[in-house]
Structures are given as structure tokens and as C-alpha cells.
C-alpha atoms as a PDB file:
ATOM      1  CA  MET A   1      34.591 -27.679 -63.416  1.00  0.00           C
ATOM      2  CA  ARG A   2      34.111 -30.542 -61.029  1.00  0.00           C
ATOM      3  CA  LEU A   3      36.084 -30.609 -57.812  1.00  0.00           C
ATOM      4  CA  SER A   4      37.451 -34.089 -58.498  1.00  0.00           C
ATOM      5  CA  THR A   5      38.826 -32.950 -61.874  1.00  0.00           C
ATOM      6  CA  ILE A   6      40.595 -30.029 -60.212  1.00  0.00           C
ATOM      7  CA  ILE A   7      42.101 -32.281 -57.541  1.00  0.00           C
ATOM      8  CA  TYR A   8      43.280 -34.866 -60.086  1.00  0.00           C
ATOM      9  CA  THR A   9      44.869 -32.132 -62.201  1.00  0.00           C
ATOM     10  CA  LEU A  10      46.709 -30.706 -59.195  1.00  0.00           C
ATOM     11  CA  ILE A  11      47.932 -34.181 -58.186  1.00  0.00           C
ATOM     12  CA  ILE A  12      49.232 -34.869 -61.693  1.00  0.00           C
ATOM     13  CA  PHE A  13      51.095 -31.555 -61.846  1.00  0.00           C
ATOM     14  CA  ALA A  14      52.383 -31.658 -58.262  1.00  0.00           C
ATOM     15  CA  TRP A  15      55.679 -33.359 -59.101  1.00  0.00           C
ATOM     16  CA  PRO A  16      56.699 -31.029 -61.981  1.00  0.00           C
ATOM     17  CA  LEU A  17      55.770 -27.972 -59.902  1.00  0.00           C
ATOM     18  CA  TYR A  18      57.769 -29.289 -56.956  1.00  0.00           C
ATOM     19  CA  PHE A  19      60.694 -29.982 -59.283  1.00  0.00           C
ATOM     20  CA  LEU A  20      60.648 -26.348 -60.410  1.00  0.00           C
ATOM     21  CA  TYR A  21      60.437 -25.216 -56.786  1.00  0.00           C
ATOM     22  CA  GLU A  22      63.431 -27.333 -55.781  1.00  0.00           C
ATOM     23  CA  HIS A  23      65.569 -25.752 -58.519  1.00  0.00           C
ATOM     24  CA  SER A  24      64.851 -22.220 -57.282  1.00  0.00           C
ATOM     25  CA  LEU A  25      62.218 -21.661 -59.945  1.00  0.00           C
ATOM     26  CA  GLY A  26      59.317 -21.346 -57.513  1.00  0.00           C
ATOM     27  CA  ALA A  27      58.047 -18.204 -59.218  1.00  0.00           C
ATOM     28  CA  ILE A  28      57.334 -20.196 -62.375  1.00  0.00           C
ATOM     29  CA  SER A  29      55.379 -22.843 -60.485  1.00  0.00           C
ATOM     30  CA  PHE A  30      53.451 -20.124 -58.657  1.00  0.00           C
ATOM     31  CA  LEU A  31      52.659 -18.444 -61.982  1.00  0.00           C
ATOM     32  CA  LEU A  32      51.419 -21.722 -63.465  1.00  0.00           C
ATOM     33  CA  LEU A  33      49.186 -22.351 -60.444  1.00  0.00           C
ATOM     34  CA  ALA A  34      47.826 -18.813 -60.613  1.00  0.00           C
ATOM     35  CA  LEU A  35      47.011 -19.221 -64.317  1.00  0.00           C
ATOM     36  CA  PHE A  36      45.326 -22.562 -63.614  1.00  0.00           C
ATOM     37  CA  PHE A  37      43.080 -21.058 -60.938  1.00  0.00           C
ATOM     38  CA  LEU A  38      42.375 -18.012 -63.126  1.00  0.00           C
ATOM     39  CA  PHE A  39      41.266 -20.352 -65.913  1.00  0.00           C
ATOM     40  CA  ILE A  40      38.943 -22.170 -63.497  1.00  0.00           C
ATOM     41  CA  ALA A  41      37.487 -18.890 -62.211  1.00  0.00           C
ATOM     42  CA  ILE A  42      36.807 -17.572 -65.712  1.00  0.00           C
ATOM     43  CA  LYS A  43      35.169 -20.849 -66.684  1.00  0.00           C
ATOM     44  CA  GLU A  44      32.909 -20.751 -63.607  1.00  0.00           C
ATOM     45  CA  LEU A  45      31.936 -17.132 -64.275  1.00  0.00           C
ATOM     46  CA  LYS A  46      30.967 -17.981 -67.844  1.00  0.00           C
ATOM     47  CA  LYS A  47      28.846 -20.850 -66.565  1.00  0.00           C
ATOM     48  CA  ILE A  48      27.060 -18.591 -64.078  1.00  0.00           C
ATOM     49  CA  LYS A  49      26.407 -15.938 -66.722  1.00  0.00           C
ATOM     50  CA  SER A  50      25.036 -18.492 -69.184  1.00  0.00           C
ATOM     51  CA  ASP A  51      22.682 -19.917 -66.546  1.00  0.00           C
ATOM     52  CA  GLY A  52      21.200 -16.468 -66.018  1.00  0.00           C
ATOM     53  CA  GLU A  53      21.807 -16.474 -62.292  1.00  0.00           C
ATOM     54  CA  GLN A  54      22.295 -12.859 -61.385  1.00  0.00           C
ATOM     55  CA  PRO A  55      22.120 -11.503 -57.865  1.00  0.00           C
ATOM     56  CA  LYS A  56      18.981  -9.556 -57.077  1.00  0.00           C
ATOM     57  CA  LYS A  57      19.475  -5.847 -56.696  1.00  0.00           C
ATOM     58  CA  GLU A  58      17.796  -4.261 -53.728  1.00  0.00           C
ATOM     59  CA  LYS A  59      16.297  -0.821 -53.905  1.00  0.00           C
ATOM     60  CA  ILE A  60      17.635   1.543 -51.289  1.00  0.00           C
ATOM     61  CA  LYS A  61      15.066   3.831 -49.758  1.00  0.00           C
ATOM     62  CA  GLN A  62      16.227   7.325 -48.971  1.00  0.00           C
ATOM     63  CA  ASN A  63      14.912   9.137 -45.952  1.00  0.00           C
ATOM     64  CA  SER A  64      13.517  12.563 -46.730  1.00  0.00           C
ATOM     65  CA  ARG A  65      13.946  14.968 -43.839  1.00  0.00           C
END
């Protein structure tokens, strides 16, 4: 997801989340933000897996004494 899309989405939802916070429903707004960022993280992980970019594994040499 592009950074500008994320920022625009957060700006659009800022007022409703603040409204919930003002009415002592801050836990709901926090939950919605957490779900939004979880969705973004899952989407990015799927993109990385589909691109085939996997970190290289290094072999660890053991000392024989």
C-alpha cells in the first residue's frame, strides 16, 4: 500500500475516531486503528512473499575442539 493512501485514509477517519475518543469510547477507536494497521501489515507480507524476496540464511560454522 502506498504511503499517501495510508495518510489519506487516516486523515479521512481522524474525525470519527476523535469523536469516539471524546465520548469515552477510545478503546473502540484504538481497536479500529489496530485492525487498520494489521490489515496493512498482512497486505505487505503477502506482497513480499509473492515477490519471492526471502532473507538469505547464513550457515553457522561450529568449532570442533
